[in-house]
Amino acid sequence: MRKARRQPRLVLLPLLAAVLCSVGAVHVGRAKAADSPVPQKRFVWMITLRSLRRLTALPGSDAAVRTFFGSQRYSILVGGPHSRYPSLPARRSLAFGSYRSMHSGVASSASPHTPRVVILDLERWSQTPPGEQRQPARYYRLAGRLARRKGLLLVATPSSNLVEPWPVRFIPAYASYLQSGLVGEVAKAADVFEVQAQGFERQTALYKEFVATAADQARDANAHVTVIAGLSTNPGGRGVPAIQLYRDALAARPYVDGFWLNIPAKSEACRRCGVARPEIALELLRKLMRENAFLPGARPVAATAEQQGA
C-alpha cells in the first residue's frame, strides 16, 4: 500500500521541476526585457469610435482628443468617422473577432473608402470560433498573409486567455502565456502587436514586467513590429483611478511604442464591463499632456532607475 501511495508523487516530480524551470525562465525573460532598448519609432495612440464618443461627451475634452487622436500618422481610430470630429485625421480601421469575419470584411478592400488598417482580436469569447481559439498562431499567420495581399496594416491583439494556464495553483496564469511562444508567433505576422495587460493595471510592477517581457518577445520575433499596450478605465467592470493608470503608463512607457486606450461598457462582447468611465480616461490624458514623451510622434524614452524598480 505504501508503494502505491508513493508512485504518483514520483510521477509528478519531473512535471513540477519542469514547471519551476519554466517559471524561472519567465523571470529571466523579464529581467532581460527591462534592459532591452526600444527601437526608435514614433509614439502611437489607438481608441475605438465607441470609446471616443464616450470621451467627447464630457465637457472640456476637446484639447485632449485633438492632442492624442489628431494625427493621421500616429493615431488609429477603430471604426468610422466621428460626427463631432468628421475630419479627425486619425487612420480609421476595422476590427474583427475572427479570421473568418476578417476574410469576409476585407473582400472588397479595393474600394478607396476601405480602411487601410485591420485589427484581429482573437480571444476565448463568442466572437472567436473554437477552432481559431485552439490554433491562434495559425490564424494570425493567415491574417498576416491576407493583409499583405490587400495592402493592409495588421494590428494583432491576442488575449492571454488563448493559452491554457498550468494546472498548478501557485503558478500565475500569465506565466503559461509568456512561455507558450504565442507572442513571437503572432508578432511575426503583425505590423502592430498589442499586449493585453489591462488585467494587471492595479499592480504597476506586474503591469510593467508583463508588458516589457511580452514586448521583448515580440521584437525578438519581428524587429519591425510596433508594440502597444492596453490601458482600460474599468477592466472587469471595476474602475481604475486615473493616478494608477498614470503610474502604469509611466512604468511601461520605455518598453512600448504606444497605447490602446479603452473605455469599455457592458455589452454582448463584455458582460462584466459595467458602466463606462470616460472621466477616468480624460483625467489620465490631461495628466499625460504634461509629459512630452506620450504625445503622438514623440520619440521613445529610456527607462530611468526609478521606473526600472517600479
C-alpha atoms as a PDB file:
ATOM      1  CA  MET A   1       0.000   0.000   0.000  1.00  0.00           C
ATOM      2  CA  ARG A   2       2.837   2.392   0.789  1.00  0.00           C
ATOM      3  CA  LYS A   3       4.448   1.846  -2.615  1.00  0.00           C
ATOM      4  CA  ALA A   4       1.127   2.534  -4.307  1.00  0.00           C
ATOM      5  CA  ARG A   5       0.867   5.853  -2.485  1.00  0.00           C
ATOM      6  CA  ARG A   6       4.449   6.945  -3.325  1.00  0.00           C
ATOM      7  CA  GLN A   7       4.207   6.222  -7.031  1.00  0.00           C
ATOM      8  CA  PRO A   8       2.058   9.227  -8.055  1.00  0.00           C
ATOM      9  CA  ARG A   9       4.465  11.585  -6.259  1.00  0.00           C
ATOM     10  CA  LEU A  10       7.389  10.233  -8.269  1.00  0.00           C
ATOM     11  CA  VAL A  11       5.436  10.776 -11.464  1.00  0.00           C
ATOM     12  CA  LEU A  12       4.649  14.376 -10.507  1.00  0.00           C
ATOM     13  CA  LEU A  13       8.204  15.358  -9.554  1.00  0.00           C
ATOM     14  CA  PRO A  14       9.543  15.716 -13.128  1.00  0.00           C
ATOM     15  CA  LEU A  15       6.462  17.738 -14.088  1.00  0.00           C
ATOM     16  CA  LEU A  16       6.851  20.057 -11.111  1.00  0.00           C
ATOM     17  CA  ALA A  17      10.561  20.500 -11.833  1.00  0.00           C
ATOM     18  CA  ALA A  18       9.779  21.413 -15.438  1.00  0.00           C
ATOM     19  CA  VAL A  19       7.172  23.947 -14.325  1.00  0.00           C
ATOM     20  CA  LEU A  20       9.548  25.583 -11.861  1.00  0.00           C
ATOM     21  CA  CYS A  21      12.265  25.814 -14.525  1.00  0.00           C
ATOM     22  CA  SER A  22       9.768  27.455 -16.856  1.00  0.00           C
ATOM     23  CA  VAL A  23       8.797  29.994 -14.226  1.00  0.00           C
ATOM     24  CA  GLY A  24      12.482  30.759 -13.710  1.00  0.00           C
ATOM     25  CA  ALA A  25      12.831  31.312 -17.433  1.00  0.00           C
ATOM     26  CA  VAL A  26       9.939  33.773 -17.344  1.00  0.00           C
ATOM     27  CA  HIS A  27      11.659  35.787 -14.609  1.00  0.00           C
ATOM     28  CA  VAL A  28      14.918  35.768 -16.563  1.00  0.00           C
ATOM     29  CA  GLY A  29      12.962  36.997 -19.575  1.00  0.00           C
ATOM     30  CA  ARG A  30      11.535  39.843 -17.527  1.00  0.00           C
ATOM     31  CA  ALA A  31      14.983  40.930 -16.385  1.00  0.00           C
ATOM     32  CA  LYS A  32      16.204  40.822 -19.984  1.00  0.00           C
ATOM     33  CA  ALA A  33      13.183  42.804 -21.171  1.00  0.00           C
ATOM     34  CA  ALA A  34      13.732  45.500 -18.566  1.00  0.00           C
ATOM     35  CA  ASP A  35      17.168  46.186 -20.037  1.00  0.00           C
ATOM     36  CA  SER A  36      16.167  45.947 -23.686  1.00  0.00           C
ATOM     37  CA  PRO A  37      16.210  49.214 -25.636  1.00  0.00           C
ATOM     38  CA  VAL A  38      13.089  50.126 -27.573  1.00  0.00           C
ATOM     39  CA  PRO A  39      13.638  50.704 -31.309  1.00  0.00           C
ATOM     40  CA  GLN A  40      13.418  54.359 -32.257  1.00  0.00           C
ATOM     41  CA  LYS A  41       9.845  54.516 -33.509  1.00  0.00           C
ATOM     42  CA  ARG A  42       7.262  57.238 -33.070  1.00  0.00           C
ATOM     43  CA  PHE A  43       4.578  57.013 -30.388  1.00  0.00           C
ATOM     44  CA  VAL A  44       1.119  55.729 -31.359  1.00  0.00           C
ATOM     45  CA  TRP A  45      -2.325  56.113 -29.740  1.00  0.00           C
ATOM     46  CA  MET A  46      -5.375  53.967 -30.509  1.00  0.00           C
ATOM     47  CA  ILE A  47      -9.009  54.299 -29.468  1.00  0.00           C
ATOM     48  CA  THR A  48     -12.316  52.849 -30.650  1.00  0.00           C
ATOM     49  CA  LEU A  49     -15.012  55.086 -32.064  1.00  0.00           C
ATOM     50  CA  ARG A  50     -17.310  53.971 -29.239  1.00  0.00           C
ATOM     51  CA  SER A  51     -14.748  54.978 -26.604  1.00  0.00           C
ATOM     52  CA  LEU A  52     -14.080  58.255 -28.401  1.00  0.00           C
ATOM     53  CA  ARG A  53     -17.796  59.084 -28.346  1.00  0.00           C
ATOM     54  CA  ARG A  54     -17.886  58.466 -24.594  1.00  0.00           C
ATOM     55  CA  LEU A  55     -14.839  60.664 -24.135  1.00  0.00           C
ATOM     56  CA  THR A  56     -16.108  63.527 -26.284  1.00  0.00           C
ATOM     57  CA  ALA A  57     -19.436  63.560 -24.422  1.00  0.00           C
ATOM     58  CA  LEU A  58     -17.558  65.083 -21.484  1.00  0.00           C
ATOM     59  CA  PRO A  59     -17.195  68.887 -21.362  1.00  0.00           C
ATOM     60  CA  GLY A  60     -13.652  70.118 -21.797  1.00  0.00           C
ATOM     61  CA  SER A  61     -12.432  67.026 -23.672  1.00  0.00           C
ATOM     62  CA  ASP A  62     -11.634  68.773 -26.963  1.00  0.00           C
ATOM     63  CA  ALA A  63      -7.985  69.568 -26.197  1.00  0.00           C
ATOM     64  CA  ALA A  64      -7.201  66.001 -25.119  1.00  0.00           C
ATOM     65  CA  VAL A  65      -8.960  64.500 -28.148  1.00  0.00           C
ATOM     66  CA  ARG A  66      -7.123  66.710 -30.609  1.00  0.00           C
ATOM     67  CA  THR A  67      -3.785  66.214 -28.843  1.00  0.00           C
ATOM     68  CA  PHE A  68      -3.818  62.415 -28.698  1.00  0.00           C
ATOM     69  CA  PHE A  69      -6.013  61.414 -31.620  1.00  0.00           C
ATOM     70  CA  GLY A  70      -5.447  64.214 -34.103  1.00  0.00           C
ATOM     71  CA  SER A  71      -2.568  62.669 -36.035  1.00  0.00           C
ATOM     72  CA  GLN A  72      -3.137  60.787 -39.273  1.00  0.00           C
ATOM     73  CA  ARG A  73       0.238  59.110 -38.981  1.00  0.00           C
ATOM     74  CA  TYR A  74       0.402  58.300 -35.278  1.00  0.00           C
ATOM     75  CA  SER A  75      -3.239  57.846 -34.233  1.00  0.00           C
ATOM     76  CA  ILE A  76      -5.603  54.982 -35.065  1.00  0.00           C
ATOM     77  CA  LEU A  77      -9.385  55.250 -34.734  1.00  0.00           C
ATOM     78  CA  VAL A  78     -11.105  51.859 -34.620  1.00  0.00           C
ATOM     79  CA  GLY A  79     -14.319  52.420 -36.537  1.00  0.00           C
ATOM     80  CA  GLY A  80     -15.874  55.057 -38.768  1.00  0.00           C
ATOM     81  CA  PRO A  81     -15.860  58.861 -38.648  1.00  0.00           C
ATOM     82  CA  HIS A  82     -16.897  60.760 -35.527  1.00  0.00           C
ATOM     83  CA  SER A  83     -19.905  63.037 -36.067  1.00  0.00           C
ATOM     84  CA  ARG A  84     -18.428  65.823 -33.937  1.00  0.00           C
ATOM     85  CA  TYR A  85     -14.952  65.416 -35.469  1.00  0.00           C
ATOM     86  CA  PRO A  86     -15.706  64.329 -39.055  1.00  0.00           C
ATOM     87  CA  SER A  87     -12.283  65.466 -40.243  1.00  0.00           C
ATOM     88  CA  LEU A  88     -10.309  63.801 -37.451  1.00  0.00           C
ATOM     89  CA  PRO A  89      -7.120  62.740 -39.259  1.00  0.00           C
ATOM     90  CA  ALA A  90      -6.553  59.532 -37.259  1.00  0.00           C
ATOM     91  CA  ARG A  91      -6.257  56.484 -39.509  1.00  0.00           C
ATOM     92  CA  ARG A  92      -9.538  54.591 -39.454  1.00  0.00           C
ATOM     93  CA  SER A  93      -9.613  50.831 -39.051  1.00  0.00           C
ATOM     94  CA  LEU A  94     -11.913  47.822 -38.939  1.00  0.00           C
ATOM     95  CA  ALA A  95     -11.827  45.314 -36.055  1.00  0.00           C
ATOM     96  CA  PHE A  96     -12.670  41.616 -36.246  1.00  0.00           C
ATOM     97  CA  GLY A  97     -13.035  38.905 -33.629  1.00  0.00           C
ATOM     98  CA  SER A  98     -12.184  36.075 -36.010  1.00  0.00           C
ATOM     99  CA  TYR A  99     -10.123  35.406 -39.109  1.00  0.00           C
ATOM    100  CA  ARG A 100     -13.291  34.216 -40.840  1.00  0.00           C
ATOM    101  CA  SER A 101     -15.010  37.587 -40.339  1.00  0.00           C
ATOM    102  CA  MET A 102     -11.823  39.445 -41.285  1.00  0.00           C
ATOM    103  CA  HIS A 103     -11.578  37.477 -44.538  1.00  0.00           C
ATOM    104  CA  SER A 104     -15.157  38.431 -45.419  1.00  0.00           C
ATOM    105  CA  GLY A 105     -14.755  42.030 -44.244  1.00  0.00           C
ATOM    106  CA  VAL A 106     -11.733  42.854 -46.403  1.00  0.00           C
ATOM    107  CA  ALA A 107     -13.028  41.100 -49.515  1.00  0.00           C
ATOM    108  CA  SER A 108     -13.865  44.484 -51.045  1.00  0.00           C
ATOM    109  CA  SER A 109     -10.695  46.235 -49.907  1.00  0.00           C
ATOM    110  CA  ALA A 110     -10.116  47.533 -53.427  1.00  0.00           C
ATOM    111  CA  SER A 111     -12.631  50.254 -52.533  1.00  0.00           C
ATOM    112  CA  PRO A 112     -10.955  53.614 -51.836  1.00  0.00           C
ATOM    113  CA  HIS A 113     -13.203  54.005 -48.769  1.00  0.00           C
ATOM    114  CA  THR A 114     -11.967  50.811 -47.084  1.00  0.00           C
ATOM    115  CA  PRO A 115      -9.792  51.480 -44.015  1.00  0.00           C
ATOM    116  CA  ARG A 116      -6.143  50.591 -44.518  1.00  0.00           C
ATOM    117  CA  VAL A 117      -5.798  49.169 -41.001  1.00  0.00           C
ATOM    118  CA  VAL A 118      -7.389  45.922 -39.762  1.00  0.00           C
ATOM    119  CA  ILE A 119      -7.445  44.597 -36.204  1.00  0.00           C
ATOM    120  CA  LEU A 120      -7.732  40.899 -35.383  1.00  0.00           C
ATOM    121  CA  ASP A 121      -8.732  40.246 -31.770  1.00  0.00           C
ATOM    122  CA  LEU A 122      -8.724  36.514 -31.043  1.00  0.00           C
ATOM    123  CA  GLU A 123      -9.857  35.580 -27.544  1.00  0.00           C
ATOM    124  CA  ARG A 124     -11.789  32.922 -25.664  1.00  0.00           C
ATOM    125  CA  TRP A 125     -15.125  34.592 -26.297  1.00  0.00           C
ATOM    126  CA  SER A 126     -18.166  34.224 -28.525  1.00  0.00           C
ATOM    127  CA  GLN A 127     -16.663  36.253 -31.396  1.00  0.00           C
ATOM    128  CA  THR A 128     -13.776  33.817 -31.974  1.00  0.00           C
ATOM    129  CA  PRO A 129     -14.714  30.321 -33.242  1.00  0.00           C
ATOM    130  CA  PRO A 130     -13.401  27.384 -31.164  1.00  0.00           C
ATOM    131  CA  GLY A 131     -11.109  26.259 -33.988  1.00  0.00           C
ATOM    132  CA  GLU A 132      -9.398  29.666 -34.086  1.00  0.00           C
ATOM    133  CA  GLN A 133      -9.136  29.699 -30.290  1.00  0.00           C
ATOM    134  CA  ARG A 134      -7.277  26.383 -30.427  1.00  0.00           C
ATOM    135  CA  GLN A 135      -4.882  27.459 -33.201  1.00  0.00           C
ATOM    136  CA  PRO A 136      -4.423  31.235 -32.822  1.00  0.00           C
ATOM    137  CA  ALA A 137      -0.894  31.298 -34.273  1.00  0.00           C
ATOM    138  CA  ARG A 138      -2.106  29.626 -37.489  1.00  0.00           C
ATOM    139  CA  TYR A 139      -4.945  32.075 -37.977  1.00  0.00           C
ATOM    140  CA  TYR A 140      -2.766  35.092 -37.264  1.00  0.00           C
ATOM    141  CA  ARG A 141      -0.366  33.820 -39.928  1.00  0.00           C
ATOM    142  CA  LEU A 142      -3.262  33.579 -42.372  1.00  0.00           C
ATOM    143  CA  ALA A 143      -4.381  37.074 -41.372  1.00  0.00           C
ATOM    144  CA  GLY A 144      -0.900  38.441 -41.976  1.00  0.00           C
ATOM    145  CA  ARG A 145      -0.777  36.947 -45.456  1.00  0.00           C
ATOM    146  CA  LEU A 146      -4.230  38.292 -46.273  1.00  0.00           C
ATOM    147  CA  ALA A 147      -3.345  41.767 -45.004  1.00  0.00           C
ATOM    148  CA  ARG A 148      -0.172  41.863 -47.089  1.00  0.00           C
ATOM    149  CA  ARG A 149      -2.039  40.775 -50.222  1.00  0.00           C
ATOM    150  CA  LYS A 150      -4.582  43.533 -49.689  1.00  0.00           C
ATOM    151  CA  GLY A 151      -2.046  46.184 -48.750  1.00  0.00           C
ATOM    152  CA  LEU A 152      -3.426  46.494 -45.213  1.00  0.00           C
ATOM    153  CA  LEU A 153      -1.745  47.124 -41.863  1.00  0.00           C
ATOM    154  CA  LEU A 154      -2.482  44.283 -39.401  1.00  0.00           C
ATOM    155  CA  VAL A 155      -2.913  45.021 -35.697  1.00  0.00           C
ATOM    156  CA  ALA A 156      -2.834  41.759 -33.695  1.00  0.00           C
ATOM    157  CA  THR A 157      -4.360  41.721 -30.211  1.00  0.00           C
ATOM    158  CA  PRO A 158      -4.262  38.116 -28.938  1.00  0.00           C
ATOM    159  CA  SER A 159      -5.646  37.595 -25.444  1.00  0.00           C
ATOM    160  CA  SER A 160      -3.571  35.694 -22.901  1.00  0.00           C
ATOM    161  CA  ASN A 161      -6.621  33.507 -22.225  1.00  0.00           C
ATOM    162  CA  LEU A 162      -5.932  31.715 -25.515  1.00  0.00           C
ATOM    163  CA  VAL A 163      -3.264  29.747 -23.627  1.00  0.00           C
ATOM    164  CA  GLU A 164      -4.394  27.245 -21.007  1.00  0.00           C
ATOM    165  CA  PRO A 165      -2.811  28.012 -17.612  1.00  0.00           C
ATOM    166  CA  TRP A 166      -0.624  25.408 -15.972  1.00  0.00           C
ATOM    167  CA  PRO A 167      -2.568  23.156 -13.582  1.00  0.00           C
ATOM    168  CA  VAL A 168      -0.504  24.256 -10.581  1.00  0.00           C
ATOM    169  CA  ARG A 169      -2.176  26.504  -8.054  1.00  0.00           C
ATOM    170  CA  PHE A 170       0.794  28.740  -7.185  1.00  0.00           C
ATOM    171  CA  ILE A 171       1.872  29.362 -10.808  1.00  0.00           C
ATOM    172  CA  PRO A 172       0.288  32.579 -12.205  1.00  0.00           C
ATOM    173  CA  ALA A 173      -1.826  32.061 -15.329  1.00  0.00           C
ATOM    174  CA  TYR A 174       0.091  34.658 -17.339  1.00  0.00           C
ATOM    175  CA  ALA A 175       3.310  32.622 -16.991  1.00  0.00           C
ATOM    176  CA  SER A 176       1.956  29.983 -19.350  1.00  0.00           C
ATOM    177  CA  TYR A 177       1.156  32.694 -21.906  1.00  0.00           C
ATOM    178  CA  LEU A 178       4.681  34.109 -21.763  1.00  0.00           C
ATOM    179  CA  GLN A 179       6.204  30.625 -22.023  1.00  0.00           C
ATOM    180  CA  SER A 180       3.947  29.391 -24.829  1.00  0.00           C
ATOM    181  CA  GLY A 181       5.732  31.144 -27.704  1.00  0.00           C
ATOM    182  CA  LEU A 182       2.430  32.618 -28.893  1.00  0.00           C
ATOM    183  CA  VAL A 183       3.615  36.224 -28.606  1.00  0.00           C
ATOM    184  CA  GLY A 184       6.504  35.647 -31.013  1.00  0.00           C
ATOM    185  CA  GLU A 185       4.440  33.603 -33.465  1.00  0.00           C
ATOM    186  CA  VAL A 186       1.766  36.284 -33.661  1.00  0.00           C
ATOM    187  CA  ALA A 187       4.270  39.147 -33.832  1.00  0.00           C
ATOM    188  CA  LYS A 188       5.870  37.594 -36.925  1.00  0.00           C
ATOM    189  CA  ALA A 189       2.599  38.095 -38.804  1.00  0.00           C
ATOM    190  CA  ALA A 190       1.715  41.547 -37.440  1.00  0.00           C
ATOM    191  CA  ASP A 191       2.616  45.145 -38.137  1.00  0.00           C
ATOM    192  CA  VAL A 192       1.354  46.206 -34.691  1.00  0.00           C
ATOM    193  CA  PHE A 193       1.173  43.913 -31.650  1.00  0.00           C
ATOM    194  CA  GLU A 194      -0.949  44.833 -28.630  1.00  0.00           C
ATOM    195  CA  VAL A 195      -0.090  43.468 -25.204  1.00  0.00           C
ATOM    196  CA  GLN A 196      -3.427  42.993 -23.458  1.00  0.00           C
ATOM    197  CA  ALA A 197      -2.206  43.892 -19.980  1.00  0.00           C
ATOM    198  CA  GLN A 198      -5.330  45.607 -18.664  1.00  0.00           C
ATOM    199  CA  GLY A 199      -5.889  42.945 -16.027  1.00  0.00           C
ATOM    200  CA  PHE A 200      -2.642  43.934 -14.271  1.00  0.00           C
ATOM    201  CA  GLU A 201      -3.290  47.669 -14.032  1.00  0.00           C
ATOM    202  CA  ARG A 202      -3.832  47.650 -10.262  1.00  0.00           C
ATOM    203  CA  GLN A 203      -0.258  46.378  -9.740  1.00  0.00           C
ATOM    204  CA  THR A 204       2.168  48.701 -11.508  1.00  0.00           C
ATOM    205  CA  ALA A 205       5.219  46.461 -11.119  1.00  0.00           C
ATOM    206  CA  LEU A 206       3.389  43.461 -12.555  1.00  0.00           C
ATOM    207  CA  TYR A 207       1.897  45.556 -15.374  1.00  0.00           C
ATOM    208  CA  LYS A 208       5.346  46.827 -16.334  1.00  0.00           C
ATOM    209  CA  GLU A 209       7.002  43.403 -16.183  1.00  0.00           C
ATOM    210  CA  PHE A 210       4.273  41.710 -18.204  1.00  0.00           C
ATOM    211  CA  VAL A 211       4.334  44.421 -20.873  1.00  0.00           C
ATOM    212  CA  ALA A 212       8.146  44.557 -21.006  1.00  0.00           C
ATOM    213  CA  THR A 213       8.540  40.790 -21.301  1.00  0.00           C
ATOM    214  CA  ALA A 214       5.875  40.410 -23.969  1.00  0.00           C
ATOM    215  CA  ALA A 215       7.284  43.393 -25.887  1.00  0.00           C
ATOM    216  CA  ASP A 216      10.750  41.849 -25.790  1.00  0.00           C
ATOM    217  CA  GLN A 217       9.408  38.541 -27.151  1.00  0.00           C
ATOM    218  CA  ALA A 218       7.523  40.317 -29.921  1.00  0.00           C
ATOM    219  CA  ARG A 219      10.595  42.267 -31.054  1.00  0.00           C
ATOM    220  CA  ASP A 220      12.820  39.206 -30.865  1.00  0.00           C
ATOM    221  CA  ALA A 221      10.489  37.574 -33.389  1.00  0.00           C
ATOM    222  CA  ASN A 222       9.925  40.665 -35.557  1.00  0.00           C
ATOM    223  CA  ALA A 223      12.305  43.595 -35.265  1.00  0.00           C
ATOM    224  CA  HIS A 224       9.939  45.803 -37.281  1.00  0.00           C
ATOM    225  CA  VAL A 225       6.784  45.259 -35.217  1.00  0.00           C
ATOM    226  CA  THR A 226       5.242  48.189 -33.356  1.00  0.00           C
ATOM    227  CA  VAL A 227       4.321  47.200 -29.791  1.00  0.00           C
ATOM    228  CA  ILE A 228       1.493  48.886 -27.915  1.00  0.00           C
ATOM    229  CA  ALA A 229      -0.063  48.108 -24.534  1.00  0.00           C
ATOM    230  CA  GLY A 230      -3.687  48.179 -23.438  1.00  0.00           C
ATOM    231  CA  LEU A 231      -4.960  50.692 -20.883  1.00  0.00           C
ATOM    232  CA  SER A 232      -8.539  50.365 -19.638  1.00  0.00           C
ATOM    233  CA  THR A 233     -10.554  52.658 -17.380  1.00  0.00           C
ATOM    234  CA  ASN A 234     -12.565  49.765 -15.899  1.00  0.00           C
ATOM    235  CA  PRO A 235     -11.214  46.281 -16.672  1.00  0.00           C
ATOM    236  CA  GLY A 236     -13.572  43.587 -15.408  1.00  0.00           C
ATOM    237  CA  GLY A 237     -16.167  46.239 -14.522  1.00  0.00           C
ATOM    238  CA  ARG A 238     -14.092  47.890 -11.775  1.00  0.00           C
ATOM    239  CA  GLY A 239     -12.840  51.430 -12.280  1.00  0.00           C
ATOM    240  CA  VAL A 240      -9.097  52.055 -12.003  1.00  0.00           C
ATOM    241  CA  PRO A 241      -8.172  55.544 -10.702  1.00  0.00           C
ATOM    242  CA  ALA A 242      -6.526  57.816 -13.245  1.00  0.00           C
ATOM    243  CA  ILE A 243      -3.478  58.208 -10.998  1.00  0.00           C
ATOM    244  CA  GLN A 244      -2.972  54.427 -11.079  1.00  0.00           C
ATOM    245  CA  LEU A 245      -3.221  54.338 -14.884  1.00  0.00           C
ATOM    246  CA  TYR A 246      -0.800  57.257 -14.959  1.00  0.00           C
ATOM    247  CA  ARG A 247       1.731  55.266 -12.916  1.00  0.00           C
ATOM    248  CA  ASP A 248       1.247  52.241 -15.190  1.00  0.00           C
ATOM    249  CA  ALA A 249       1.787  54.357 -18.290  1.00  0.00           C
ATOM    250  CA  LEU A 250       4.964  55.905 -16.862  1.00  0.00           C
ATOM    251  CA  ALA A 251       6.323  52.481 -15.906  1.00  0.00           C
ATOM    252  CA  ALA A 252       5.586  50.856 -19.278  1.00  0.00           C
ATOM    253  CA  ARG A 253       6.492  53.830 -21.471  1.00  0.00           C
ATOM    254  CA  PRO A 254      10.159  52.875 -22.090  1.00  0.00           C
ATOM    255  CA  TYR A 255       9.161  49.470 -23.472  1.00  0.00           C
ATOM    256  CA  VAL A 256       6.284  50.292 -25.825  1.00  0.00           C
ATOM    257  CA  ASP A 257       5.594  52.279 -28.971  1.00  0.00           C
ATOM    258  CA  GLY A 258       2.123  53.344 -27.875  1.00  0.00           C
ATOM    259  CA  PHE A 259      -1.099  52.582 -26.011  1.00  0.00           C
ATOM    260  CA  TRP A 260      -4.621  51.478 -26.859  1.00  0.00           C
ATOM    261  CA  LEU A 261      -6.967  53.409 -24.552  1.00  0.00           C
ATOM    262  CA  ASN A 262     -10.170  51.511 -23.717  1.00  0.00           C
ATOM    263  CA  ILE A 263     -13.339  52.908 -22.129  1.00  0.00           C
ATOM    264  CA  PRO A 264     -15.485  49.752 -22.071  1.00  0.00           C
ATOM    265  CA  ALA A 265     -19.132  49.358 -21.098  1.00  0.00           C
ATOM    266  CA  LYS A 266     -21.287  46.286 -20.629  1.00  0.00           C
ATOM    267  CA  SER A 267     -22.168  44.673 -23.947  1.00  0.00           C
ATOM    268  CA  GLU A 268     -22.669  41.296 -25.582  1.00  0.00           C
ATOM    269  CA  ALA A 269     -18.911  41.025 -26.060  1.00  0.00           C
ATOM    270  CA  CYS A 270     -18.075  42.151 -22.496  1.00  0.00           C
ATOM    271  CA  ARG A 271     -20.756  41.214 -19.982  1.00  0.00           C
ATOM    272  CA  ARG A 272     -18.588  42.145 -16.981  1.00  0.00           C
ATOM    273  CA  CYS A 273     -17.507  45.587 -18.191  1.00  0.00           C
ATOM    274  CA  GLY A 274     -20.102  47.506 -16.182  1.00  0.00           C
ATOM    275  CA  VAL A 275     -20.649  51.245 -16.621  1.00  0.00           C
ATOM    276  CA  ALA A 276     -18.311  53.232 -18.879  1.00  0.00           C
ATOM    277  CA  ARG A 277     -15.891  55.559 -17.053  1.00  0.00           C
ATOM    278  CA  PRO A 278     -14.781  58.184 -19.606  1.00  0.00           C
ATOM    279  CA  GLU A 279     -13.976  60.675 -16.841  1.00  0.00           C
ATOM    280  CA  ILE A 280     -11.068  58.443 -15.804  1.00  0.00           C
ATOM    281  CA  ALA A 281      -9.714  58.479 -19.361  1.00  0.00           C
ATOM    282  CA  LEU A 282      -9.984  62.261 -19.593  1.00  0.00           C
ATOM    283  CA  GLU A 283      -8.176  62.761 -16.286  1.00  0.00           C
ATOM    284  CA  LEU A 284      -5.443  60.379 -17.439  1.00  0.00           C
ATOM    285  CA  LEU A 285      -4.968  62.163 -20.764  1.00  0.00           C
ATOM    286  CA  ARG A 286      -4.808  65.528 -19.029  1.00  0.00           C
ATOM    287  CA  LYS A 287      -2.062  64.221 -16.766  1.00  0.00           C
ATOM    288  CA  LEU A 288      -0.167  62.798 -19.754  1.00  0.00           C
ATOM    289  CA  MET A 289      -0.465  66.018 -21.747  1.00  0.00           C
ATOM    290  CA  ARG A 290       2.254  67.425 -19.485  1.00  0.00           C
ATOM    291  CA  GLU A 291       4.571  64.567 -20.464  1.00  0.00           C
ATOM    292  CA  ASN A 292       6.031  65.196 -23.936  1.00  0.00           C
ATOM    293  CA  ALA A 293       7.087  61.539 -24.179  1.00  0.00           C
ATOM    294  CA  PHE A 294       3.439  60.484 -24.549  1.00  0.00           C
ATOM    295  CA  LEU A 295       2.467  62.800 -27.377  1.00  0.00           C
ATOM    296  CA  PRO A 296       1.825  61.231 -30.802  1.00  0.00           C
ATOM    297  CA  GLY A 297       5.045  61.114 -32.753  1.00  0.00           C
ATOM    298  CA  ALA A 298       7.275  61.510 -29.672  1.00  0.00           C
ATOM    299  CA  ARG A 299      10.490  59.510 -29.551  1.00  0.00           C
ATOM    300  CA  PRO A 300      10.696  56.555 -27.129  1.00  0.00           C
ATOM    301  CA  VAL A 301      12.489  57.236 -23.871  1.00  0.00           C
ATOM    302  CA  ALA A 302      15.000  55.175 -21.898  1.00  0.00           C
ATOM    303  CA  ALA A 303      13.920  53.576 -18.635  1.00  0.00           C
ATOM    304  CA  THR A 304      15.007  55.547 -15.575  1.00  0.00           C
ATOM    305  CA  ALA A 305      16.316  53.847 -12.459  1.00  0.00           C
ATOM    306  CA  GLU A 306      13.031  54.712 -10.701  1.00  0.00           C
ATOM    307  CA  GLN A 307      10.945  53.141 -13.489  1.00  0.00           C
ATOM    308  CA  GLN A 308      13.134  50.039 -13.610  1.00  0.00           C
ATOM    309  CA  GLY A 309      12.420  49.441  -9.959  1.00  0.00           C
ATOM    310  CA  ALA A 310       8.721  50.395 -10.106  1.00  0.00           C
END
